[in-house]
Amino acid sequence: MEIVQLVGLGLIATFLALILKEQKPAFAFLLTMFVGAFIFLFLIDEIAQMIALISELAENANIHIVYLQTILKIIGIAYIAEFGAQIAKDAGQGAIASKIELAGKIFILVLAIPIIKAVIEMIIALLPS
């Protein structure tokens, strides 16, 4: 029931931030940022277990480790970019948030190019000459 604890912490922090925002907006932002970071750090063990399970499944399926590493990096970039963008949005910086999201998408595209290339090469190899 850890999710209940995390949601409870998030809701309490949200209400405190709403109260603090009227008096001390800087403290409300810091509270939001620290609670977000705490939740992220709390999830590191869960993320590590998920990565270990995916690695084991990929090994059993004889998937090349480079592809697995690339996919995990892409997932990590997506989550980190979303986390950063949400913090920027919470601070009222929508323009910066959109730039963070754009940067995340570009990094994902750059990492995906070798996988796209491998898929295209495989399709070409399957086509009759």
C-alpha atoms as a PDB file:
ATOM      1  CA  MET A   1       0.000   0.000   0.000  1.00  0.00           C
ATOM      2  CA  GLU A   2       2.916   2.311  -0.644  1.00  0.00           C
ATOM      3  CA  ILE A   3       0.914   4.054  -3.346  1.00  0.00           C
ATOM      4  CA  VAL A   4      -1.599   5.192  -0.735  1.00  0.00           C
ATOM      5  CA  GLN A   5       1.241   6.719   1.306  1.00  0.00           C
ATOM      6  CA  LEU A   6       2.695   8.469  -1.743  1.00  0.00           C
ATOM      7  CA  VAL A   7      -0.676   9.812  -2.850  1.00  0.00           C
ATOM      8  CA  GLY A   8      -1.380  10.950   0.713  1.00  0.00           C
ATOM      9  CA  LEU A   9       1.966  12.725   0.858  1.00  0.00           C
ATOM     10  CA  GLY A  10       1.258  14.332  -2.510  1.00  0.00           C
ATOM     11  CA  LEU A  11      -2.180  15.545  -1.448  1.00  0.00           C
ATOM     12  CA  ILE A  12      -0.909  16.919   1.864  1.00  0.00           C
ATOM     13  CA  ALA A  13       1.905  18.708   0.048  1.00  0.00           C
ATOM     14  CA  THR A  14      -0.593  20.075  -2.470  1.00  0.00           C
ATOM     15  CA  PHE A  15      -2.814  21.537   0.243  1.00  0.00           C
ATOM     16  CA  LEU A  16       0.197  22.985   2.092  1.00  0.00           C
ATOM     17  CA  ALA A  17       1.512  24.476  -1.137  1.00  0.00           C
ATOM     18  CA  LEU A  18      -1.861  26.102  -1.825  1.00  0.00           C
ATOM     19  CA  ILE A  19      -1.855  27.658   1.640  1.00  0.00           C
ATOM     20  CA  LEU A  20       1.798  28.724   1.397  1.00  0.00           C
ATOM     21  CA  LYS A  21       1.375  30.110  -2.114  1.00  0.00           C
ATOM     22  CA  GLU A  22      -0.691  33.005  -0.798  1.00  0.00           C
ATOM     23  CA  GLN A  23       1.856  34.019   1.832  1.00  0.00           C
ATOM     24  CA  LYS A  24       5.236  32.734   0.608  1.00  0.00           C
ATOM     25  CA  PRO A  25       5.191  31.597  -3.040  1.00  0.00           C
ATOM     26  CA  ALA A  26       8.903  30.701  -2.960  1.00  0.00           C
ATOM     27  CA  PHE A  27       8.359  28.291  -0.068  1.00  0.00           C
ATOM     28  CA  ALA A  28       5.379  26.748  -1.834  1.00  0.00           C
ATOM     29  CA  PHE A  29       7.535  26.090  -4.888  1.00  0.00           C
ATOM     30  CA  LEU A  30      10.345  24.615  -2.769  1.00  0.00           C
ATOM     31  CA  LEU A  31       7.867  22.364  -0.971  1.00  0.00           C
ATOM     32  CA  THR A  32       6.515  21.165  -4.296  1.00  0.00           C
ATOM     33  CA  MET A  33       9.989  20.520  -5.636  1.00  0.00           C
ATOM     34  CA  PHE A  34      11.193  18.654  -2.537  1.00  0.00           C
ATOM     35  CA  VAL A  35       8.089  16.457  -2.339  1.00  0.00           C
ATOM     36  CA  GLY A  36       8.412  15.659  -6.041  1.00  0.00           C
ATOM     37  CA  ALA A  37      12.071  14.728  -5.584  1.00  0.00           C
ATOM     38  CA  PHE A  38      11.228  12.636  -2.504  1.00  0.00           C
ATOM     39  CA  ILE A  39       8.578  10.705  -4.412  1.00  0.00           C
ATOM     40  CA  PHE A  40      11.038  10.156  -7.266  1.00  0.00           C
ATOM     41  CA  LEU A  41      13.733   8.910  -4.846  1.00  0.00           C
ATOM     42  CA  PHE A  42      11.197   6.675  -3.105  1.00  0.00           C
ATOM     43  CA  LEU A  43      10.517   4.979  -6.442  1.00  0.00           C
ATOM     44  CA  ILE A  44      14.167   4.204  -7.254  1.00  0.00           C
ATOM     45  CA  ASP A  45      13.959   0.715  -5.705  1.00  0.00           C
ATOM     46  CA  GLU A  46      10.847  -0.055  -7.737  1.00  0.00           C
ATOM     47  CA  ILE A  47      12.532   1.198 -10.893  1.00  0.00           C
ATOM     48  CA  ALA A  48      15.601  -0.964 -10.195  1.00  0.00           C
ATOM     49  CA  GLN A  49      13.402  -4.047  -9.782  1.00  0.00           C
ATOM     50  CA  MET A  50      11.611  -3.270 -13.032  1.00  0.00           C
ATOM     51  CA  ILE A  51      14.902  -2.860 -14.909  1.00  0.00           C
ATOM     52  CA  ALA A  52      16.191  -6.157 -13.517  1.00  0.00           C
ATOM     53  CA  LEU A  53      13.012  -7.958 -14.618  1.00  0.00           C
ATOM     54  CA  ILE A  54      13.132  -6.432 -18.098  1.00  0.00           C
ATOM     55  CA  SER A  55      16.818  -7.346 -18.405  1.00  0.00           C
ATOM     56  CA  GLU A  56      16.069 -10.943 -17.427  1.00  0.00           C
ATOM     57  CA  LEU A  57      13.215 -11.166 -19.937  1.00  0.00           C
ATOM     58  CA  ALA A  58      15.409  -9.698 -22.681  1.00  0.00           C
ATOM     59  CA  GLU A  59      18.179 -12.167 -21.886  1.00  0.00           C
ATOM     60  CA  ASN A  60      15.746 -15.080 -22.043  1.00  0.00           C
ATOM     61  CA  ALA A  61      14.393 -13.809 -25.370  1.00  0.00           C
ATOM     62  CA  ASN A  62      17.916 -13.371 -26.784  1.00  0.00           C
ATOM     63  CA  ILE A  63      17.410  -9.657 -27.381  1.00  0.00           C
ATOM     64  CA  HIS A  64      20.672  -7.817 -27.939  1.00  0.00           C
ATOM     65  CA  ILE A  65      21.640  -5.866 -24.804  1.00  0.00           C
ATOM     66  CA  VAL A  66      22.337  -2.680 -26.802  1.00  0.00           C
ATOM     67  CA  TYR A  67      18.678  -2.466 -27.819  1.00  0.00           C
ATOM     68  CA  LEU A  68      17.526  -3.012 -24.243  1.00  0.00           C
ATOM     69  CA  GLN A  69      19.888  -0.341 -22.925  1.00  0.00           C
ATOM     70  CA  THR A  70      18.673   2.083 -25.567  1.00  0.00           C
ATOM     71  CA  ILE A  71      15.023   1.446 -24.738  1.00  0.00           C
ATOM     72  CA  LEU A  72      15.681   1.893 -21.012  1.00  0.00           C
ATOM     73  CA  LYS A  73      17.541   5.150 -21.710  1.00  0.00           C
ATOM     74  CA  ILE A  74      14.600   6.358 -23.796  1.00  0.00           C
ATOM     75  CA  ILE A  75      12.170   5.546 -20.988  1.00  0.00           C
ATOM     76  CA  GLY A  76      14.436   7.313 -18.484  1.00  0.00           C
ATOM     77  CA  ILE A  77      14.700  10.412 -20.654  1.00  0.00           C
ATOM     78  CA  ALA A  78      10.922  10.518 -21.053  1.00  0.00           C
ATOM     79  CA  TYR A  79      10.314  10.344 -17.301  1.00  0.00           C
ATOM     80  CA  ILE A  80      13.038  12.837 -16.402  1.00  0.00           C
ATOM     81  CA  ALA A  81      11.893  15.307 -19.063  1.00  0.00           C
ATOM     82  CA  GLU A  82       8.293  15.000 -17.881  1.00  0.00           C
ATOM     83  CA  PHE A  83       9.383  15.488 -14.254  1.00  0.00           C
ATOM     84  CA  GLY A  84      11.395  18.590 -15.142  1.00  0.00           C
ATOM     85  CA  ALA A  85       8.633  20.005 -17.313  1.00  0.00           C
ATOM     86  CA  GLN A  86       6.060  19.549 -14.559  1.00  0.00           C
ATOM     87  CA  ILE A  87       8.296  21.360 -12.064  1.00  0.00           C
ATOM     88  CA  ALA A  88       8.716  24.221 -14.546  1.00  0.00           C
ATOM     89  CA  LYS A  89       4.939  24.330 -15.082  1.00  0.00           C
ATOM     90  CA  ASP A  90       4.367  24.374 -11.317  1.00  0.00           C
ATOM     91  CA  ALA A  91       6.681  27.377 -11.143  1.00  0.00           C
ATOM     92  CA  GLY A  92       4.579  29.114 -13.794  1.00  0.00           C
ATOM     93  CA  GLN A  93       7.211  28.733 -16.506  1.00  0.00           C
ATOM     94  CA  GLY A  94       5.244  27.123 -19.310  1.00  0.00           C
ATOM     95  CA  ALA A  95       7.707  28.253 -21.980  1.00  0.00           C
ATOM     96  CA  ILE A  96      10.627  26.591 -20.215  1.00  0.00           C
ATOM     97  CA  ALA A  97       8.515  23.476 -19.646  1.00  0.00           C
ATOM     98  CA  SER A  98       7.800  23.183 -23.350  1.00  0.00           C
ATOM     99  CA  LYS A  99      11.522  23.545 -24.127  1.00  0.00           C
ATOM    100  CA  ILE A 100      12.332  20.760 -21.650  1.00  0.00           C
ATOM    101  CA  GLU A 101       9.751  18.545 -23.345  1.00  0.00           C
ATOM    102  CA  LEU A 102      11.203  19.391 -26.774  1.00  0.00           C
ATOM    103  CA  ALA A 103      14.724  18.569 -25.589  1.00  0.00           C
ATOM    104  CA  GLY A 104      13.508  15.231 -24.227  1.00  0.00           C
ATOM    105  CA  LYS A 105      11.852  14.381 -27.540  1.00  0.00           C
ATOM    106  CA  ILE A 106      14.995  15.240 -29.483  1.00  0.00           C
ATOM    107  CA  PHE A 107      17.186  13.123 -27.194  1.00  0.00           C
ATOM    108  CA  ILE A 108      14.730  10.241 -27.591  1.00  0.00           C
ATOM    109  CA  LEU A 109      14.818  10.586 -31.375  1.00  0.00           C
ATOM    110  CA  VAL A 110      18.630  10.601 -31.396  1.00  0.00           C
ATOM    111  CA  LEU A 111      18.732   7.444 -29.272  1.00  0.00           C
ATOM    112  CA  ALA A 112      16.086   5.737 -31.420  1.00  0.00           C
ATOM    113  CA  ILE A 113      17.957   6.193 -34.719  1.00  0.00           C
ATOM    114  CA  PRO A 114      20.060   2.989 -34.386  1.00  0.00           C
ATOM    115  CA  ILE A 115      16.945   0.951 -33.597  1.00  0.00           C
ATOM    116  CA  ILE A 116      15.067   2.477 -36.534  1.00  0.00           C
ATOM    117  CA  LYS A 117      18.070   1.733 -38.766  1.00  0.00           C
ATOM    118  CA  ALA A 118      18.163  -1.905 -37.606  1.00  0.00           C
ATOM    119  CA  VAL A 119      14.437  -2.335 -38.254  1.00  0.00           C
ATOM    120  CA  ILE A 120      14.733  -0.844 -41.752  1.00  0.00           C
ATOM    121  CA  GLU A 121      17.733  -3.071 -42.538  1.00  0.00           C
ATOM    122  CA  MET A 122      15.800  -6.120 -41.350  1.00  0.00           C
ATOM    123  CA  ILE A 123      12.817  -5.205 -43.531  1.00  0.00           C
ATOM    124  CA  ILE A 124      15.079  -4.670 -46.529  1.00  0.00           C
ATOM    125  CA  ALA A 125      16.710  -8.052 -45.915  1.00  0.00           C
ATOM    126  CA  LEU A 126      13.301  -9.743 -45.899  1.00  0.00           C
ATOM    127  CA  LEU A 127      12.219  -8.192 -49.189  1.00  0.00           C
ATOM    128  CA  PRO A 128      12.957 -10.227 -52.309  1.00  0.00           C
ATOM    129  CA  SER A 129      15.713  -8.755 -54.509  1.00  0.00           C
END
